[in-house]
Amino acid sequence: ELAKGVPLKTDIRYTFVVYRHYTDVFELEDAHFHLESPVLLPVPDRVPDDPEQPYITALGVVAQALKWAAEHPNQKLLVAAHAEPANKPGSSGRALTLTQIRARNVLCLLKGDRKGWAESCNQKHRVEDVQSLLRFADWQHSLRCDPGTIDNQDSPAFREALDAFRAGYKTEFKDTEAAGALPDTGPIDNADFEAFFELYDQYLADRLDIHRADEKDPDKARAKLAFVPPEALGCGDRWPKAWNHRPFRRSRTARKVELLFIPDDEEPIPDLVKPQPRARGCTATRSASCSTTTRSTPTRGSPACACSAPSSTPTSASSCP
C-alpha cells in the first residue's frame, strides 16, 4: 500500500524496520521534463546554468543506463519518478498521478514499448512537449517541421509544423509501420507519438555507439535489463527538500526521474505484507522497511527511498500507531 501511495489506516498499529540500501543512480533531471508533463524530452530545452556542468541529453542518460545494465548483470532496475510540491489544495494527489504517468513514460522507453510510450505521452502532454519533439525531428532529419519558439501555444504555426512533420516522416520513412499510421492533418494522437518514438530509438542507437556500449542496437541492449517489482513507482511530491542541495545532483527541482540499479545482494523490495487481524482487543501489526541510498555512480548518484520486507539484521526499528 505504501508503494502504491495509498494512505494507511490510523486504527492499525504498524512497525517500520529501517535498513540502508545502496544503489547506483542515473538521474533524468528536471530539464528533461516540462512542468506538469510526463513526457521525457530527447534533449533539454535549456543549457545548464553552471557553465562547468556538461550538456546532457535524456537519451544519453538512457544509453549510459543500458550500458551499465549490460556491464552489471547482478543489478536490477527500479524507475522512480518525482514532482515538485505545489502547496495547493489537492496538489499532492495530482502530483502522484503525474509521477505515475511519468514513471510509466520512462519505463516504456527503457523497455522499447512504443505503443505504451505513445499512450503515456498522449495521456497528459503539453503543446510545448510536441513543439520540442518537432524541433528535435527537424534537427535530426531535416523534416522542415521546426515550430519556432517553444511557447506552449496551439497556434496555426504549431499546427503547420505538425502537418509538415507528418508529411516529411511519410516521405523519409515511407515503408515503416509508424509512417503508415500517421494522419495527414488534425490534432496530435498516438500515431504521432509512435513516430516520435522511432526517432528516439535512432538517436538512442547513436548514443550507444558514442558511449562505446558493447551492444549498439537498442532492442538488444534492452534485453540486458532486469527490473525490480513493481518496475516503476510514482513518488508524487514527497522528495525531501534537504536533498535538493547535495553536490552530485543536477536537478534544480524535484521534477525528475531516477533509474535505481539495485544489487542482487541487497534486501529485496517486494510488496508489503498485508496486516493480519488479531484477537479482539489487540492491535494488528505489519512490518515494512524503508531504505535510503547514498552511493553515487560514475553517471550521477542521489538518495532514494523504497519499501521492502524486513530481514533479521535491521539497523533500527520503531513502532508507531
Protein backbone atom coordinates (compact mmCIF):
# COMPACT_ATOMS: atom_id res chain seq x y z
CA GLU A 1 0.00 0.00 0.00
CA LEU A 2 2.87 2.37 0.75
CA ALA A 3 4.41 1.64 -2.63
CA LYS A 4 1.09 2.47 -4.30
CA GLY A 5 0.78 5.75 -2.42
CA VAL A 6 -2.34 4.63 -0.54
CA PRO A 7 -2.76 6.33 2.88
CA LEU A 8 -2.59 3.85 5.74
CA LYS A 9 -5.46 3.43 8.17
CA THR A 10 -4.97 5.07 11.53
CA ASP A 11 -6.69 2.36 13.59
CA ILE A 12 -3.94 -0.22 12.89
CA ARG A 13 -0.50 -0.35 14.52
CA TYR A 14 2.39 -0.56 12.04
CA THR A 15 6.01 -1.47 12.72
CA PHE A 16 8.63 0.07 10.41
CA VAL A 17 12.04 -1.58 10.30
CA VAL A 18 14.68 0.60 8.63
CA TYR A 19 17.59 -0.72 6.56
CA ARG A 20 20.21 1.00 4.46
CA HIS A 21 20.25 0.13 0.78
CA TYR A 22 22.99 1.01 -1.68
CA THR A 23 22.05 1.66 -5.27
CA ASP A 24 23.65 3.15 -8.36
CA VAL A 25 21.52 6.04 -9.60
CA PHE A 26 21.13 7.61 -13.03
CA GLU A 27 19.25 10.91 -12.90
CA LEU A 28 16.92 12.18 -15.60
CA GLU A 29 16.98 15.75 -14.38
CA ASP A 30 14.29 18.44 -14.37
CA ALA A 31 15.49 19.93 -17.66
CA HIS A 32 14.28 16.76 -19.40
CA PHE A 33 10.63 17.36 -18.43
CA HIS A 34 8.34 20.32 -18.86
CA LEU A 35 6.34 21.45 -15.83
CA GLU A 36 3.25 19.28 -15.21
CA SER A 37 4.22 16.93 -18.04
CA PRO A 38 5.23 13.24 -18.03
CA VAL A 39 6.91 13.33 -21.47
CA LEU A 40 10.66 12.65 -21.39
CA LEU A 41 12.26 15.15 -23.78
CA PRO A 42 15.04 13.76 -26.00
CA VAL A 43 17.22 16.84 -25.44
CA PRO A 44 16.73 19.61 -22.83
CA ASP A 45 15.25 22.93 -23.90
CA ARG A 46 17.82 24.86 -21.87
CA VAL A 47 21.54 24.64 -21.21
CA PRO A 48 22.83 24.28 -17.61
CA ASP A 49 23.09 27.49 -15.59
CA ASP A 50 26.55 26.41 -14.43
CA PRO A 51 28.98 26.65 -17.39
CA GLU A 52 31.04 23.85 -15.84
CA GLN A 53 28.09 21.46 -15.99
CA PRO A 54 28.06 19.33 -19.17
CA TYR A 55 25.10 19.40 -21.55
CA ILE A 56 23.43 16.02 -21.00
CA THR A 57 20.61 14.64 -23.13
CA ALA A 58 17.96 12.33 -21.70
CA LEU A 59 18.67 9.70 -24.35
CA GLY A 60 22.35 9.96 -23.47
CA VAL A 61 21.46 9.05 -19.87
CA VAL A 62 19.28 6.17 -21.10
CA ALA A 63 22.14 4.91 -23.28
CA GLN A 64 24.51 5.03 -20.30
CA ALA A 65 21.95 3.16 -18.19
CA LEU A 66 21.62 0.42 -20.83
CA LYS A 67 25.40 0.13 -21.00
CA TRP A 68 25.57 -0.05 -17.20
CA ALA A 69 22.95 -2.83 -17.11
CA ALA A 70 24.97 -4.91 -19.56
CA GLU A 71 28.15 -4.42 -17.52
CA HIS A 72 26.44 -5.15 -14.16
CA PRO A 73 24.17 -8.18 -14.63
CA ASN A 74 23.91 -8.55 -10.84
CA GLN A 75 21.81 -5.36 -10.58
CA LYS A 76 18.11 -4.84 -11.22
CA LEU A 77 16.39 -1.60 -12.16
CA LEU A 78 13.61 0.37 -10.48
CA VAL A 79 12.24 3.58 -12.06
CA ALA A 80 11.21 6.26 -9.52
CA ALA A 81 9.52 9.48 -10.68
CA HIS A 82 9.16 12.69 -8.65
CA ALA A 83 7.39 16.05 -8.90
CA GLU A 84 7.90 19.35 -7.11
CA PRO A 85 5.28 20.30 -4.47
CA ALA A 86 2.73 22.92 -5.49
CA ASN A 87 1.40 23.71 -1.98
CA LYS A 88 -2.18 23.93 -3.24
CA PRO A 89 -5.30 22.00 -2.18
CA GLY A 90 -5.35 18.63 -3.94
CA SER A 91 -1.88 19.13 -5.43
CA SER A 92 -0.41 16.04 -3.76
CA GLY A 93 -2.96 13.79 -5.44
CA ARG A 94 -2.32 15.39 -8.83
CA ALA A 95 1.43 15.10 -8.30
CA LEU A 96 1.09 11.40 -7.53
CA THR A 97 -0.90 10.81 -10.72
CA LEU A 98 1.59 12.83 -12.76
CA THR A 99 4.58 10.92 -11.44
CA GLN A 100 2.88 7.59 -12.06
CA ILE A 101 2.45 8.53 -15.73
CA ARG A 102 5.98 9.99 -15.83
CA ALA A 103 7.45 6.77 -14.44
CA ARG A 104 5.50 4.73 -16.99
CA ASN A 105 6.71 7.00 -19.80
CA VAL A 106 10.35 6.35 -18.91
CA LEU A 107 9.74 2.64 -18.26
CA CYS A 108 8.15 2.17 -21.69
CA LEU A 109 11.11 3.89 -23.34
CA LEU A 110 13.54 1.64 -21.43
CA LYS A 111 11.58 -1.46 -22.46
CA GLY A 112 11.11 -0.39 -26.09
CA ASP A 113 7.31 -0.34 -25.69
CA ARG A 114 6.39 2.06 -28.49
CA LYS A 115 2.63 1.88 -28.05
CA GLY A 116 2.82 2.18 -24.26
CA TRP A 117 5.13 5.18 -24.53
CA ALA A 118 2.82 6.87 -27.04
CA GLU A 119 -0.21 6.27 -24.81
CA SER A 120 1.52 7.76 -21.77
CA CYS A 121 2.55 10.82 -23.82
CA ASN A 122 -0.94 11.33 -25.20
CA GLN A 123 -2.49 10.85 -21.76
CA LYS A 124 -1.07 14.08 -20.36
CA HIS A 125 1.12 16.09 -22.75
CA ARG A 126 1.52 19.82 -23.27
CA VAL A 127 1.83 21.73 -26.54
CA GLU A 128 5.41 22.63 -25.62
CA ASP A 129 6.24 18.93 -25.43
CA VAL A 130 5.17 18.46 -29.04
CA GLN A 131 6.96 21.65 -30.06
CA SER A 132 10.17 20.25 -28.55
CA LEU A 133 9.68 16.94 -30.35
CA LEU A 134 9.08 18.72 -33.65
CA ARG A 135 12.27 20.72 -33.20
CA PHE A 136 14.15 17.50 -32.41
CA ALA A 137 12.76 15.80 -35.53
CA ASP A 138 13.79 18.75 -37.71
CA TRP A 139 17.24 18.87 -36.11
CA GLN A 140 17.86 15.16 -36.61
CA HIS A 141 16.26 14.56 -40.02
CA SER A 142 15.68 17.99 -41.62
CA LEU A 143 11.94 17.38 -41.94
CA ARG A 144 11.24 21.14 -42.13
CA CYS A 145 8.98 20.98 -39.09
CA ASP A 146 10.69 23.41 -36.70
CA PRO A 147 7.79 25.10 -34.84
CA GLY A 148 9.85 28.17 -33.89
CA THR A 149 9.60 29.43 -30.33
CA ILE A 150 8.69 26.86 -27.66
CA ASP A 151 5.78 28.84 -26.23
CA ASN A 152 3.16 26.16 -25.38
CA GLN A 153 0.67 27.85 -27.76
CA ASP A 154 -1.61 25.84 -30.04
CA SER A 155 -1.14 28.32 -32.87
CA PRO A 156 -1.51 28.00 -36.66
CA ALA A 157 2.30 27.87 -36.89
CA PHE A 158 2.35 24.93 -34.49
CA ARG A 159 -0.30 23.03 -36.47
CA GLU A 160 1.56 23.71 -39.72
CA ALA A 161 4.75 22.35 -38.19
CA LEU A 162 2.93 19.21 -37.03
CA ASP A 163 1.49 18.60 -40.51
CA ALA A 164 4.93 19.22 -42.02
CA PHE A 165 6.38 16.61 -39.68
CA ARG A 166 3.80 14.07 -40.80
CA ALA A 167 4.44 14.74 -44.47
CA GLY A 168 8.21 14.65 -44.03
CA TYR A 169 8.12 11.50 -41.95
CA LYS A 170 5.98 9.68 -44.52
CA THR A 171 8.49 10.59 -47.20
CA GLU A 172 11.61 9.77 -45.18
CA PHE A 173 10.29 6.54 -43.62
CA LYS A 174 7.60 5.58 -46.12
CA ASP A 175 7.93 1.81 -45.69
CA THR A 176 7.54 1.77 -41.90
CA GLU A 177 4.51 0.90 -39.80
CA ALA A 178 4.71 4.22 -37.98
CA ALA A 179 4.62 6.20 -41.24
CA GLY A 180 1.60 4.29 -42.50
CA ALA A 181 -0.39 5.07 -39.34
CA LEU A 182 0.22 8.84 -39.42
CA PRO A 183 -2.73 11.10 -40.29
CA ASP A 184 -2.27 13.93 -42.79
CA THR A 185 -3.66 16.61 -40.51
CA GLY A 186 -5.64 17.14 -37.31
CA PRO A 187 -4.77 17.15 -33.59
CA ILE A 188 -1.87 15.07 -32.35
CA ASP A 189 -2.66 11.47 -31.47
CA ASN A 190 -0.93 8.23 -30.52
CA ALA A 191 0.31 7.64 -34.07
CA ASP A 192 2.33 10.86 -33.95
CA PHE A 193 3.98 9.87 -30.68
CA GLU A 194 4.75 6.40 -32.07
CA ALA A 195 6.58 8.08 -34.95
CA PHE A 196 8.50 10.26 -32.49
CA PHE A 197 9.41 7.10 -30.56
CA GLU A 198 11.09 5.69 -33.66
CA LEU A 199 13.21 8.85 -33.89
CA TYR A 200 14.11 8.42 -30.21
CA ASP A 201 15.31 4.89 -30.96
CA GLN A 202 17.51 6.03 -33.84
CA TYR A 203 19.11 8.70 -31.67
CA LEU A 204 19.49 6.20 -28.83
CA ALA A 205 21.43 3.89 -31.17
CA ASP A 206 23.81 6.78 -31.92
CA ARG A 207 24.28 7.43 -28.20
CA LEU A 208 25.05 3.75 -27.55
CA ASP A 209 27.71 3.94 -30.23
CA ILE A 210 29.20 7.16 -28.84
CA HIS A 211 29.31 5.72 -25.30
CA ARG A 212 31.04 2.59 -26.66
CA ALA A 213 28.43 0.17 -25.49
CA ASP A 214 29.08 -3.45 -26.47
CA GLU A 215 25.59 -3.64 -27.98
CA LYS A 216 24.67 -0.79 -30.36
CA ASP A 217 21.17 -2.00 -31.20
CA PRO A 218 18.69 -0.52 -28.67
CA ASP A 219 16.44 -3.61 -28.60
CA LYS A 220 19.37 -5.95 -27.97
CA ALA A 221 20.72 -3.59 -25.31
CA ARG A 222 17.30 -3.55 -23.63
CA ALA A 223 17.36 -7.34 -23.41
CA LYS A 224 20.07 -6.97 -20.74
CA LEU A 225 17.72 -5.11 -18.40
CA ALA A 226 16.18 -6.80 -15.38
CA PHE A 227 13.65 -5.00 -13.19
CA VAL A 228 12.70 -4.94 -9.54
CA PRO A 229 8.91 -5.20 -8.99
CA PRO A 230 6.86 -3.09 -9.37
CA GLU A 231 9.33 -1.80 -12.05
CA ALA A 232 8.12 1.82 -11.83
CA LEU A 233 6.98 4.00 -8.91
CA GLY A 234 5.27 7.38 -8.91
CA CYS A 235 6.50 9.06 -5.73
CA GLY A 236 4.42 12.23 -6.01
CA ASP A 237 5.80 15.38 -4.37
CA ARG A 238 7.38 13.68 -1.37
CA TRP A 239 11.04 14.35 -2.28
CA PRO A 240 12.85 15.58 0.86
CA LYS A 241 13.87 19.23 0.48
CA ALA A 242 17.08 18.56 2.39
CA TRP A 243 18.35 16.50 -0.55
CA ASN A 244 17.96 19.30 -3.11
CA HIS A 245 21.37 20.82 -2.39
CA ARG A 246 23.57 17.74 -2.49
CA PRO A 247 26.54 18.39 -4.78
CA PHE A 248 26.06 15.34 -7.01
CA ARG A 249 22.52 16.35 -8.06
CA ARG A 250 21.92 18.32 -11.27
CA SER A 251 18.16 18.89 -10.90
CA ARG A 252 17.22 22.32 -9.58
CA THR A 253 13.79 20.98 -8.55
CA ALA A 254 12.25 17.64 -7.60
CA ARG A 255 10.88 17.29 -11.15
CA LYS A 256 12.92 14.28 -12.21
CA VAL A 257 13.11 10.53 -12.66
CA GLU A 258 15.72 8.27 -11.09
CA LEU A 259 16.91 4.98 -12.54
CA LEU A 260 17.86 2.96 -9.46
CA PHE A 261 20.13 -0.04 -10.05
CA ILE A 262 19.84 -2.29 -7.00
CA PRO A 263 22.41 -5.08 -6.43
CA ASP A 264 21.11 -8.63 -6.01
CA ASP A 265 22.79 -8.92 -2.62
CA GLU A 266 20.71 -6.06 -1.19
CA GLU A 267 17.47 -6.68 0.66
CA PRO A 268 14.61 -7.40 -1.79
CA ILE A 269 11.85 -4.84 -2.34
CA PRO A 270 8.60 -6.85 -2.60
CA ASP A 271 5.10 -5.58 -1.92
CA LEU A 272 4.35 -5.07 1.74
CA VAL A 273 2.71 -7.94 3.59
CA LYS A 274 -0.97 -7.42 4.34
CA PRO A 275 -1.69 -6.77 8.05
CA GLN A 276 -3.26 -9.78 9.75
CA PRO A 277 -6.18 -9.20 12.14
CA ARG A 278 -5.51 -10.20 15.73
CA ALA A 279 -7.75 -11.20 18.61
CA ARG A 280 -10.36 -8.74 19.83
CA GLY A 281 -8.84 -6.00 21.95
CA CYS A 282 -5.43 -6.24 20.29
CA THR A 283 -3.92 -4.17 17.50
CA ALA A 284 -2.85 -5.63 14.15
CA THR A 285 0.80 -5.24 13.25
CA ARG A 286 2.59 -5.08 9.93
CA SER A 287 6.26 -4.75 9.10
CA ALA A 288 7.97 -2.80 6.38
CA SER A 289 11.34 -1.42 5.57
CA CYS A 290 12.37 1.95 4.21
CA SER A 291 15.83 2.09 2.70
CA THR A 292 17.93 5.13 1.88
CA THR A 293 20.62 5.02 -0.78
CA THR A 294 23.64 7.26 -0.71
CA ARG A 295 26.30 5.84 -3.02
CA SER A 296 26.96 7.90 -6.15
CA THR A 297 27.81 6.40 -9.54
CA PRO A 298 30.05 7.40 -12.47
CA THR A 299 26.95 8.96 -14.03
CA ARG A 300 25.13 10.55 -11.12
CA GLY A 301 24.18 9.46 -7.61
CA SER A 302 21.40 10.55 -5.31
CA PRO A 303 19.34 9.28 -2.40
CA ALA A 304 16.14 7.38 -2.97
CA CYS A 305 13.57 5.55 -0.91
CA ALA A 306 11.84 2.22 -1.42
CA CYS A 307 9.85 -0.20 0.69
CA SER A 308 10.84 -3.80 1.38
CA ALA A 309 10.22 -6.73 3.65
CA PRO A 310 12.18 -6.86 6.91
CA SER A 311 15.20 -9.11 7.43
CA SER A 312 16.93 -10.39 10.54
CA THR A 313 19.55 -7.59 10.63
CA PRO A 314 17.78 -4.25 10.91
CA THR A 315 19.78 -1.11 11.59
CA SER A 316 16.93 0.48 13.50
CA ALA A 317 13.28 -0.08 14.27
CA SER A 318 10.32 1.80 15.65
CA SER A 319 6.66 1.22 16.26
CA CYS A 320 4.01 3.85 15.64
CA PRO A 321 0.22 3.90 15.73
